[in-house]
Amino acid sequence: MDFDLFMERYGYKILLALFVGIAIVVVGIPIVGFVLSVKTMGYVGGAMLIAVLVYAFVVNRRVMDSYAEAQGKYFYDPKYGKKR
């Protein structure tokens, strides 16, 4: 069996297995980390972890958006710094 025939017959199965494996790793590692933190630190530790995640996604995003907007005006605005 040559490579083209092999890939035609089994390629999609191999590709599906790779994607499923990557999805399990991407989703599984944070879930396992959260479960282990709840086991070791109790529910207070889990609540702290959730609070840090909420802070990272809400507050830090606003800070980074405003920073990006200021950098965009400074570096990419063609009218910035002209006397007119």
N, C-alpha and C. Protein backbone atom coordinates (compact mmCIF):
# COMPACT_ATOMS: atom_id res chain seq x y z
N MET A 1 0.86 -1.17 0.00
CA MET A 1 0.00 0.00 0.00
C MET A 1 0.90 1.24 0.00
N ASP A 2 0.71 2.12 -0.97
CA ASP A 2 1.52 3.32 -1.01
C ASP A 2 0.94 4.38 -0.07
N PHE A 3 1.69 5.46 0.07
CA PHE A 3 1.33 6.49 1.04
C PHE A 3 0.01 7.17 0.69
N ASP A 4 -0.23 7.44 -0.58
CA ASP A 4 -1.47 8.11 -0.98
C ASP A 4 -2.70 7.28 -0.63
N LEU A 5 -2.62 6.00 -0.89
CA LEU A 5 -3.74 5.13 -0.57
C LEU A 5 -3.93 5.01 0.94
N PHE A 6 -2.81 4.94 1.67
CA PHE A 6 -2.88 4.88 3.12
C PHE A 6 -3.55 6.13 3.69
N MET A 7 -3.15 7.30 3.20
CA MET A 7 -3.72 8.55 3.71
C MET A 7 -5.18 8.69 3.30
N GLU A 8 -5.52 8.19 2.12
CA GLU A 8 -6.92 8.24 1.70
C GLU A 8 -7.78 7.35 2.58
N ARG A 9 -7.23 6.26 3.01
CA ARG A 9 -8.01 5.31 3.79
C ARG A 9 -8.02 5.63 5.29
N TYR A 10 -6.87 6.01 5.82
CA TYR A 10 -6.75 6.21 7.27
C TYR A 10 -6.42 7.63 7.69
N GLY A 11 -6.19 8.53 6.77
CA GLY A 11 -5.74 9.87 7.11
C GLY A 11 -6.73 10.65 7.95
N TYR A 12 -8.00 10.59 7.61
CA TYR A 12 -8.99 11.34 8.38
C TYR A 12 -9.14 10.78 9.78
N LYS A 13 -8.94 9.49 9.95
CA LYS A 13 -9.01 8.89 11.29
C LYS A 13 -7.84 9.35 12.14
N ILE A 14 -6.67 9.41 11.53
CA ILE A 14 -5.50 9.89 12.26
C ILE A 14 -5.68 11.36 12.62
N LEU A 15 -6.17 12.15 11.67
CA LEU A 15 -6.39 13.57 11.92
C LEU A 15 -7.44 13.79 13.01
N LEU A 16 -8.50 13.01 12.98
CA LEU A 16 -9.53 13.10 14.02
C LEU A 16 -8.96 12.73 15.38
N ALA A 17 -8.14 11.71 15.44
CA ALA A 17 -7.52 11.31 16.71
C ALA A 17 -6.61 12.41 17.24
N LEU A 18 -5.87 13.07 16.35
CA LEU A 18 -5.01 14.18 16.79
C LEU A 18 -5.83 15.34 17.34
N PHE A 19 -6.89 15.71 16.64
CA PHE A 19 -7.73 16.82 17.11
C PHE A 19 -8.42 16.49 18.42
N VAL A 20 -8.90 15.28 18.58
CA VAL A 20 -9.54 14.88 19.83
C VAL A 20 -8.53 14.90 20.96
N GLY A 21 -7.32 14.41 20.69
CA GLY A 21 -6.28 14.43 21.72
C GLY A 21 -5.91 15.84 22.13
N ILE A 22 -5.78 16.73 21.17
CA ILE A 22 -5.47 18.13 21.49
C ILE A 22 -6.61 18.77 22.26
N ALA A 23 -7.86 18.50 21.88
CA ALA A 23 -9.01 19.07 22.59
C ALA A 23 -9.06 18.56 24.03
N ILE A 24 -8.76 17.28 24.23
CA ILE A 24 -8.76 16.74 25.60
C ILE A 24 -7.68 17.41 26.43
N VAL A 25 -6.51 17.63 25.85
CA VAL A 25 -5.44 18.29 26.60
C VAL A 25 -5.79 19.74 26.91
N VAL A 26 -6.33 20.46 25.92
CA VAL A 26 -6.64 21.87 26.12
C VAL A 26 -7.75 22.05 27.16
N VAL A 27 -8.74 21.21 27.16
CA VAL A 27 -9.85 21.33 28.11
C VAL A 27 -9.53 20.62 29.43
N GLY A 28 -8.83 19.51 29.36
CA GLY A 28 -8.60 18.68 30.53
C GLY A 28 -7.61 19.26 31.52
N ILE A 29 -6.55 19.89 31.05
CA ILE A 29 -5.53 20.41 31.96
C ILE A 29 -6.09 21.50 32.88
N PRO A 30 -6.84 22.50 32.39
CA PRO A 30 -7.40 23.47 33.33
C PRO A 30 -8.40 22.85 34.31
N ILE A 31 -9.18 21.88 33.86
CA ILE A 31 -10.14 21.25 34.76
C ILE A 31 -9.41 20.46 35.84
N VAL A 32 -8.39 19.72 35.46
CA VAL A 32 -7.61 18.97 36.45
C VAL A 32 -6.91 19.92 37.41
N GLY A 33 -6.38 21.02 36.91
CA GLY A 33 -5.74 22.01 37.77
C GLY A 33 -6.71 22.62 38.76
N PHE A 34 -7.92 22.91 38.32
CA PHE A 34 -8.93 23.47 39.23
C PHE A 34 -9.32 22.45 40.29
N VAL A 35 -9.52 21.20 39.88
CA VAL A 35 -9.90 20.16 40.85
C VAL A 35 -8.79 19.95 41.87
N LEU A 36 -7.54 19.92 41.42
CA LEU A 36 -6.43 19.75 42.35
C LEU A 36 -6.28 20.95 43.29
N SER A 37 -6.52 22.16 42.79
CA SER A 37 -6.44 23.32 43.68
C SER A 37 -7.56 23.30 44.71
N VAL A 38 -8.74 22.83 44.33
CA VAL A 38 -9.83 22.74 45.30
C VAL A 38 -9.51 21.67 46.34
N LYS A 39 -8.89 20.57 45.89
CA LYS A 39 -8.52 19.51 46.85
C LYS A 39 -7.45 19.98 47.82
N THR A 40 -6.45 20.69 47.34
CA THR A 40 -5.35 21.07 48.22
C THR A 40 -5.66 22.30 49.06
N MET A 41 -6.34 23.29 48.50
CA MET A 41 -6.59 24.54 49.24
C MET A 41 -8.02 24.65 49.74
N GLY A 42 -8.86 23.73 49.43
CA GLY A 42 -10.25 23.82 49.85
C GLY A 42 -11.06 24.70 48.92
N TYR A 43 -12.26 24.96 49.32
CA TYR A 43 -13.15 25.77 48.48
C TYR A 43 -12.74 27.23 48.44
N VAL A 44 -12.04 27.68 49.48
CA VAL A 44 -11.55 29.06 49.47
C VAL A 44 -10.51 29.23 48.37
N GLY A 45 -9.65 28.24 48.19
CA GLY A 45 -8.66 28.29 47.12
C GLY A 45 -9.30 28.26 45.75
N GLY A 46 -10.34 27.46 45.59
CA GLY A 46 -11.06 27.43 44.32
C GLY A 46 -11.75 28.75 44.04
N ALA A 47 -12.30 29.36 45.08
CA ALA A 47 -12.94 30.67 44.91
C ALA A 47 -11.90 31.73 44.56
N MET A 48 -10.72 31.63 45.17
CA MET A 48 -9.65 32.58 44.83
C MET A 48 -9.21 32.41 43.38
N LEU A 49 -9.13 31.16 42.93
CA LEU A 49 -8.75 30.90 41.54
C LEU A 49 -9.79 31.45 40.58
N ILE A 50 -11.04 31.29 40.89
CA ILE A 50 -12.10 31.85 40.04
C ILE A 50 -12.05 33.37 40.06
N ALA A 51 -11.76 33.96 41.23
CA ALA A 51 -11.65 35.43 41.31
C ALA A 51 -10.49 35.94 40.47
N VAL A 52 -9.37 35.23 40.47
CA VAL A 52 -8.22 35.63 39.65
C VAL A 52 -8.57 35.54 38.17
N LEU A 53 -9.28 34.48 37.78
CA LEU A 53 -9.67 34.34 36.38
C LEU A 53 -10.63 35.44 35.95
N VAL A 54 -11.59 35.77 36.81
CA VAL A 54 -12.53 36.85 36.48
C VAL A 54 -11.78 38.17 36.35
N TYR A 55 -10.84 38.43 37.27
CA TYR A 55 -10.03 39.64 37.19
C TYR A 55 -9.23 39.69 35.89
N ALA A 56 -8.64 38.56 35.53
CA ALA A 56 -7.81 38.51 34.32
C ALA A 56 -8.64 38.78 33.07
N PHE A 57 -9.86 38.28 33.03
CA PHE A 57 -10.66 38.43 31.83
C PHE A 57 -11.44 39.73 31.78
N VAL A 58 -11.68 40.37 32.92
CA VAL A 58 -12.48 41.59 32.92
C VAL A 58 -11.60 42.82 33.04
N VAL A 59 -10.86 42.93 34.13
CA VAL A 59 -10.11 44.14 34.41
C VAL A 59 -8.88 44.24 33.51
N ASN A 60 -8.13 43.17 33.42
CA ASN A 60 -6.90 43.21 32.61
C ASN A 60 -7.22 43.44 31.14
N ARG A 61 -8.33 42.96 30.68
CA ARG A 61 -8.71 43.19 29.28
C ARG A 61 -8.97 44.67 29.03
N ARG A 62 -9.64 45.33 29.95
CA ARG A 62 -9.90 46.77 29.78
C ARG A 62 -8.60 47.56 29.79
N VAL A 63 -7.69 47.19 30.68
CA VAL A 63 -6.41 47.88 30.74
C VAL A 63 -5.64 47.70 29.43
N MET A 64 -5.62 46.47 28.93
CA MET A 64 -4.88 46.21 27.70
C MET A 64 -5.55 46.88 26.50
N ASP A 65 -6.88 46.95 26.48
CA ASP A 65 -7.57 47.64 25.38
C ASP A 65 -7.24 49.13 25.37
N SER A 66 -7.25 49.77 26.53
CA SER A 66 -6.93 51.19 26.58
C SER A 66 -5.46 51.44 26.22
N TYR A 67 -4.58 50.54 26.66
CA TYR A 67 -3.16 50.66 26.31
C TYR A 67 -2.97 50.52 24.79
N ALA A 68 -3.67 49.57 24.20
CA ALA A 68 -3.56 49.36 22.75
C ALA A 68 -4.11 50.57 21.99
N GLU A 69 -5.19 51.14 22.49
CA GLU A 69 -5.75 52.32 21.83
C GLU A 69 -4.78 53.50 21.89
N ALA A 70 -4.15 53.70 23.04
CA ALA A 70 -3.17 54.79 23.17
C ALA A 70 -1.96 54.55 22.28
N GLN A 71 -1.48 53.31 22.23
CA GLN A 71 -0.34 53.00 21.37
C GLN A 71 -0.72 53.17 19.89
N GLY A 72 -1.94 52.79 19.54
CA GLY A 72 -2.39 52.94 18.16
C GLY A 72 -2.46 54.40 17.75
N LYS A 73 -2.92 55.28 18.65
CA LYS A 73 -2.97 56.70 18.33
C LYS A 73 -1.57 57.27 18.18
N TYR A 74 -0.68 56.84 19.05
CA TYR A 74 0.67 57.39 19.03
C TYR A 74 1.46 56.92 17.81
N PHE A 75 1.39 55.63 17.51
CA PHE A 75 2.24 55.08 16.46
C PHE A 75 1.59 55.08 15.08
N TYR A 76 0.27 54.99 14.99
CA TYR A 76 -0.35 54.75 13.69
C TYR A 76 -1.26 55.88 13.21
N ASP A 77 -1.48 56.90 14.01
CA ASP A 77 -2.33 58.00 13.57
C ASP A 77 -1.49 58.94 12.71
N PRO A 78 -1.84 59.10 11.44
CA PRO A 78 -1.00 59.95 10.57
C PRO A 78 -1.09 61.43 10.93
N LYS A 79 -2.14 61.85 11.63
CA LYS A 79 -2.31 63.27 11.99
C LYS A 79 -1.66 63.60 13.33
N TYR A 80 -1.22 62.60 14.07
CA TYR A 80 -0.70 62.84 15.40
C TYR A 80 0.62 63.62 15.33
N GLY A 81 0.72 64.71 16.08
CA GLY A 81 1.96 65.47 16.16
C GLY A 81 2.10 66.55 15.09
N LYS A 82 1.12 66.69 14.20
CA LYS A 82 1.21 67.74 13.18
C LYS A 82 0.55 69.01 13.71
N LYS A 83 1.00 70.13 13.23
CA LYS A 83 0.52 71.41 13.72
C LYS A 83 -0.87 71.76 13.21
N ARG A 84 -1.30 71.23 12.13
CA ARG A 84 -2.62 71.54 11.56
C ARG A 84 -3.65 70.93 12.33
